[in-house]
Amino acid sequence: MEFPTIHTNFWDGVIAVPLIVIITQCFKIFPIPRQYFPTIASVLGFGISIFYSHRHNIWAGIFMGGFYSAAAVGTYSSLKTSWIAFKNRKRKKELKKK
């Protein structure tokens, strides 16, 4: 068995990953427990990859879907951690001034 040839481009990551983050955030409207959001991102990543980006090669779709969803979860986690650190740093500076 040979590994699939995966043709991907810059736009897959620029469009697919932010799209997954945005759609996952839209699911927060519903009362879904927090532990399910990485699974939702994975399902969206696999869905976009298998049914749109790599629809002619199932193995490439599965492979890249894992990357799309992991990148989306990592991007969200990184942004959230950076935002919390920024707020805490700002709060500490305000407390030192008092």
N, C-alpha and C. Protein backbone atom coordinates (compact mmCIF):
# COMPACT_ATOMS: atom_id res chain seq x y z
N MET A 1 0.84 -1.18 0.00
CA MET A 1 0.00 0.00 0.00
C MET A 1 0.88 1.24 0.00
N GLU A 2 0.59 2.15 -0.87
CA GLU A 2 1.34 3.40 -0.96
C GLU A 2 0.61 4.49 -0.19
N PHE A 3 1.40 5.45 0.28
CA PHE A 3 0.80 6.61 0.93
C PHE A 3 0.16 7.49 -0.15
N PRO A 4 -0.95 8.13 0.19
CA PRO A 4 -1.62 8.96 -0.82
C PRO A 4 -0.81 10.22 -1.13
N THR A 5 -0.90 10.65 -2.34
CA THR A 5 -0.33 11.94 -2.71
C THR A 5 -1.33 13.01 -2.29
N ILE A 6 -0.89 13.90 -1.46
CA ILE A 6 -1.79 14.91 -0.92
C ILE A 6 -1.46 16.25 -1.56
N HIS A 7 -2.41 16.78 -2.29
CA HIS A 7 -2.25 18.09 -2.91
C HIS A 7 -3.01 19.08 -2.04
N THR A 8 -2.29 19.89 -1.37
CA THR A 8 -2.92 20.92 -0.54
C THR A 8 -2.29 22.25 -0.91
N ASN A 9 -2.91 23.29 -0.53
CA ASN A 9 -2.34 24.59 -0.81
C ASN A 9 -2.55 25.52 0.37
N PHE A 10 -2.03 26.69 0.21
CA PHE A 10 -2.09 27.70 1.26
C PHE A 10 -3.52 28.03 1.65
N TRP A 11 -4.41 28.03 0.68
CA TRP A 11 -5.80 28.44 0.94
C TRP A 11 -6.56 27.42 1.78
N ASP A 12 -6.15 26.16 1.73
CA ASP A 12 -6.80 25.17 2.60
C ASP A 12 -6.67 25.59 4.06
N GLY A 13 -5.48 25.95 4.44
CA GLY A 13 -5.25 26.35 5.84
C GLY A 13 -5.80 27.72 6.17
N VAL A 14 -5.77 28.62 5.21
CA VAL A 14 -6.24 29.98 5.46
C VAL A 14 -7.77 30.06 5.52
N ILE A 15 -8.44 29.19 4.80
CA ILE A 15 -9.90 29.21 4.80
C ILE A 15 -10.47 28.14 5.74
N ALA A 16 -9.98 26.93 5.66
CA ALA A 16 -10.57 25.82 6.42
C ALA A 16 -10.41 26.01 7.92
N VAL A 17 -9.22 26.34 8.38
CA VAL A 17 -8.98 26.44 9.83
C VAL A 17 -9.81 27.56 10.47
N PRO A 18 -9.77 28.79 9.95
CA PRO A 18 -10.63 29.82 10.55
C PRO A 18 -12.12 29.50 10.45
N LEU A 19 -12.52 28.86 9.35
CA LEU A 19 -13.93 28.47 9.20
C LEU A 19 -14.34 27.48 10.29
N ILE A 20 -13.48 26.54 10.59
CA ILE A 20 -13.77 25.57 11.66
C ILE A 20 -13.86 26.27 13.00
N VAL A 21 -12.96 27.20 13.27
CA VAL A 21 -12.99 27.94 14.54
C VAL A 21 -14.30 28.73 14.64
N ILE A 22 -14.68 29.42 13.57
CA ILE A 22 -15.89 30.24 13.60
C ILE A 22 -17.14 29.38 13.77
N ILE A 23 -17.24 28.29 13.03
CA ILE A 23 -18.43 27.44 13.15
C ILE A 23 -18.50 26.80 14.53
N THR A 24 -17.34 26.39 15.06
CA THR A 24 -17.32 25.81 16.41
C THR A 24 -17.79 26.84 17.44
N GLN A 25 -17.38 28.10 17.27
CA GLN A 25 -17.83 29.15 18.18
C GLN A 25 -19.33 29.37 18.07
N CYS A 26 -19.87 29.22 16.87
CA CYS A 26 -21.33 29.36 16.69
C CYS A 26 -22.09 28.28 17.46
N PHE A 27 -21.47 27.11 17.64
CA PHE A 27 -22.12 26.05 18.40
C PHE A 27 -22.23 26.39 19.88
N LYS A 28 -21.49 27.39 20.35
CA LYS A 28 -21.56 27.77 21.77
C LYS A 28 -22.87 28.45 22.13
N ILE A 29 -23.68 28.75 21.14
CA ILE A 29 -25.01 29.29 21.39
C ILE A 29 -25.87 28.23 22.09
N PHE A 30 -25.64 26.98 21.74
CA PHE A 30 -26.42 25.88 22.28
C PHE A 30 -25.82 25.39 23.59
N PRO A 31 -26.64 24.81 24.47
CA PRO A 31 -26.12 24.33 25.76
C PRO A 31 -25.37 22.99 25.61
N ILE A 32 -24.19 23.05 25.04
CA ILE A 32 -23.36 21.87 24.83
C ILE A 32 -22.23 21.91 25.86
N PRO A 33 -21.95 20.81 26.55
CA PRO A 33 -20.82 20.80 27.50
C PRO A 33 -19.50 21.10 26.79
N ARG A 34 -18.61 21.80 27.48
CA ARG A 34 -17.34 22.27 26.90
C ARG A 34 -16.46 21.14 26.37
N GLN A 35 -16.52 19.99 26.98
CA GLN A 35 -15.62 18.91 26.58
C GLN A 35 -15.93 18.37 25.18
N TYR A 36 -17.08 18.73 24.62
CA TYR A 36 -17.45 18.25 23.29
C TYR A 36 -16.97 19.14 22.15
N PHE A 37 -16.48 20.33 22.44
CA PHE A 37 -16.10 21.25 21.38
C PHE A 37 -14.91 20.79 20.55
N PRO A 38 -13.88 20.16 21.14
CA PRO A 38 -12.83 19.60 20.27
C PRO A 38 -13.37 18.51 19.33
N THR A 39 -14.35 17.75 19.78
CA THR A 39 -14.95 16.73 18.92
C THR A 39 -15.73 17.39 17.79
N ILE A 40 -16.44 18.46 18.10
CA ILE A 40 -17.17 19.20 17.06
C ILE A 40 -16.19 19.75 16.03
N ALA A 41 -15.07 20.30 16.50
CA ALA A 41 -14.05 20.81 15.58
C ALA A 41 -13.47 19.69 14.72
N SER A 42 -13.30 18.52 15.30
CA SER A 42 -12.78 17.38 14.52
C SER A 42 -13.76 16.94 13.45
N VAL A 43 -15.01 16.85 13.81
CA VAL A 43 -16.04 16.46 12.83
C VAL A 43 -16.10 17.48 11.69
N LEU A 44 -16.04 18.76 12.03
CA LEU A 44 -16.05 19.80 11.00
C LEU A 44 -14.80 19.71 10.12
N GLY A 45 -13.64 19.50 10.75
CA GLY A 45 -12.40 19.40 9.99
C GLY A 45 -12.41 18.23 9.03
N PHE A 46 -12.84 17.07 9.51
CA PHE A 46 -12.92 15.91 8.64
C PHE A 46 -13.97 16.12 7.54
N GLY A 47 -15.08 16.73 7.90
CA GLY A 47 -16.12 16.97 6.91
C GLY A 47 -15.67 17.90 5.79
N ILE A 48 -15.04 19.01 6.16
CA ILE A 48 -14.54 19.95 5.14
C ILE A 48 -13.49 19.28 4.27
N SER A 49 -12.60 18.54 4.89
CA SER A 49 -11.51 17.92 4.14
C SER A 49 -12.00 16.79 3.23
N ILE A 50 -12.84 15.92 3.75
CA ILE A 50 -13.29 14.76 2.98
C ILE A 50 -14.28 15.16 1.89
N PHE A 51 -15.22 16.04 2.23
CA PHE A 51 -16.29 16.35 1.28
C PHE A 51 -16.04 17.57 0.41
N TYR A 52 -15.02 18.36 0.74
CA TYR A 52 -14.76 19.54 -0.09
C TYR A 52 -13.32 19.60 -0.59
N SER A 53 -12.36 19.69 0.31
CA SER A 53 -10.97 19.91 -0.11
C SER A 53 -10.36 18.73 -0.84
N HIS A 54 -10.61 17.52 -0.35
CA HIS A 54 -9.99 16.32 -0.92
C HIS A 54 -11.05 15.28 -1.26
N ARG A 55 -12.09 15.70 -1.94
CA ARG A 55 -13.23 14.81 -2.18
C ARG A 55 -12.92 13.65 -3.13
N HIS A 56 -11.82 13.70 -3.85
CA HIS A 56 -11.50 12.62 -4.78
C HIS A 56 -10.55 11.57 -4.20
N ASN A 57 -10.11 11.77 -2.95
CA ASN A 57 -9.19 10.84 -2.31
C ASN A 57 -9.53 10.75 -0.83
N ILE A 58 -10.19 9.68 -0.42
CA ILE A 58 -10.66 9.54 0.96
C ILE A 58 -9.51 9.56 1.96
N TRP A 59 -8.38 8.92 1.62
CA TRP A 59 -7.27 8.86 2.57
C TRP A 59 -6.62 10.22 2.76
N ALA A 60 -6.51 10.97 1.70
CA ALA A 60 -5.99 12.33 1.82
C ALA A 60 -6.95 13.20 2.62
N GLY A 61 -8.26 12.98 2.42
CA GLY A 61 -9.26 13.72 3.18
C GLY A 61 -9.20 13.43 4.66
N ILE A 62 -9.02 12.17 5.00
CA ILE A 62 -8.92 11.79 6.42
C ILE A 62 -7.65 12.37 7.03
N PHE A 63 -6.55 12.23 6.32
CA PHE A 63 -5.26 12.72 6.79
C PHE A 63 -5.29 14.23 7.02
N MET A 64 -5.74 14.98 6.03
CA MET A 64 -5.76 16.44 6.14
C MET A 64 -6.86 16.93 7.09
N GLY A 65 -7.93 16.17 7.21
CA GLY A 65 -8.98 16.54 8.16
C GLY A 65 -8.46 16.57 9.59
N GLY A 66 -7.59 15.63 9.90
CA GLY A 66 -6.96 15.64 11.23
C GLY A 66 -6.13 16.89 11.43
N PHE A 67 -5.41 17.30 10.41
CA PHE A 67 -4.62 18.53 10.51
C PHE A 67 -5.50 19.76 10.62
N TYR A 68 -6.56 19.83 9.84
CA TYR A 68 -7.45 20.99 9.90
C TYR A 68 -8.04 21.14 11.30
N SER A 69 -8.56 20.04 11.84
CA SER A 69 -9.21 20.13 13.15
C SER A 69 -8.19 20.41 14.25
N ALA A 70 -7.03 19.78 14.20
CA ALA A 70 -6.00 20.03 15.22
C ALA A 70 -5.51 21.48 15.15
N ALA A 71 -5.37 22.00 13.95
CA ALA A 71 -4.95 23.40 13.80
C ALA A 71 -6.01 24.35 14.33
N ALA A 72 -7.26 24.05 14.12
CA ALA A 72 -8.35 24.90 14.61
C ALA A 72 -8.39 24.90 16.14
N VAL A 73 -8.29 23.72 16.73
CA VAL A 73 -8.32 23.62 18.19
C VAL A 73 -7.10 24.32 18.79
N GLY A 74 -5.94 24.12 18.18
CA GLY A 74 -4.72 24.76 18.66
C GLY A 74 -4.76 26.27 18.51
N THR A 75 -5.30 26.75 17.41
CA THR A 75 -5.42 28.19 17.19
C THR A 75 -6.33 28.81 18.23
N TYR A 76 -7.47 28.20 18.48
CA TYR A 76 -8.40 28.73 19.48
C TYR A 76 -7.76 28.72 20.86
N SER A 77 -7.11 27.63 21.22
CA SER A 77 -6.48 27.52 22.53
C SER A 77 -5.39 28.57 22.71
N SER A 78 -4.59 28.76 21.67
CA SER A 78 -3.52 29.76 21.72
C SER A 78 -4.08 31.17 21.87
N LEU A 79 -5.10 31.50 21.10
CA LEU A 79 -5.70 32.83 21.20
C LEU A 79 -6.32 33.06 22.58
N LYS A 80 -6.99 32.05 23.09
CA LYS A 80 -7.63 32.19 24.40
C LYS A 80 -6.58 32.37 25.50
N THR A 81 -5.51 31.58 25.46
CA THR A 81 -4.44 31.70 26.46
C THR A 81 -3.76 33.05 26.37
N SER A 82 -3.50 33.53 25.16
CA SER A 82 -2.87 34.85 24.99
C SER A 82 -3.77 35.96 25.51
N TRP A 83 -5.06 35.86 25.25
CA TRP A 83 -6.01 36.88 25.71
C TRP A 83 -6.07 36.90 27.24
N ILE A 84 -6.11 35.76 27.86
CA ILE A 84 -6.15 35.68 29.33
C ILE A 84 -4.86 36.26 29.92
N ALA A 85 -3.72 35.93 29.34
CA ALA A 85 -2.44 36.48 29.81
C ALA A 85 -2.40 37.99 29.65
N PHE A 86 -2.91 38.50 28.55
CA PHE A 86 -2.96 39.94 28.32
C PHE A 86 -3.83 40.63 29.38
N LYS A 87 -5.01 40.06 29.64
CA LYS A 87 -5.90 40.65 30.64
C LYS A 87 -5.27 40.63 32.02
N ASN A 88 -4.61 39.52 32.38
CA ASN A 88 -3.97 39.42 33.69
C ASN A 88 -2.82 40.41 33.83
N ARG A 89 -2.04 40.58 32.78
CA ARG A 89 -0.92 41.53 32.82
C ARG A 89 -1.46 42.95 32.98
N LYS A 90 -2.51 43.27 32.28
CA LYS A 90 -3.12 44.60 32.38
C LYS A 90 -3.67 44.83 33.79
N ARG A 91 -4.29 43.80 34.36
CA ARG A 91 -4.85 43.89 35.70
C ARG A 91 -3.75 44.10 36.74
N LYS A 92 -2.62 43.39 36.58
CA LYS A 92 -1.50 43.55 37.51
C LYS A 92 -0.91 44.96 37.46
N LYS A 93 -0.81 45.52 36.26
CA LYS A 93 -0.30 46.89 36.14
C LYS A 93 -1.23 47.88 36.82
N GLU A 94 -2.54 47.66 36.69
CA GLU A 94 -3.51 48.56 37.35
C GLU A 94 -3.41 48.44 38.86
N LEU A 95 -3.18 47.26 39.38
CA LEU A 95 -3.06 47.07 40.83
C LEU A 95 -1.77 47.70 41.36
N LYS A 96 -0.70 47.69 40.60
CA LYS A 96 0.56 48.30 41.03
C LYS A 96 0.45 49.81 41.11
N LYS A 97 -0.37 50.41 40.25
CA LYS A 97 -0.55 51.86 40.25
C LYS A 97 -1.30 52.33 41.48
N LYS A 98 -2.12 51.48 42.06
CA LYS A 98 -2.95 51.87 43.22
C LYS A 98 -2.17 51.88 44.47
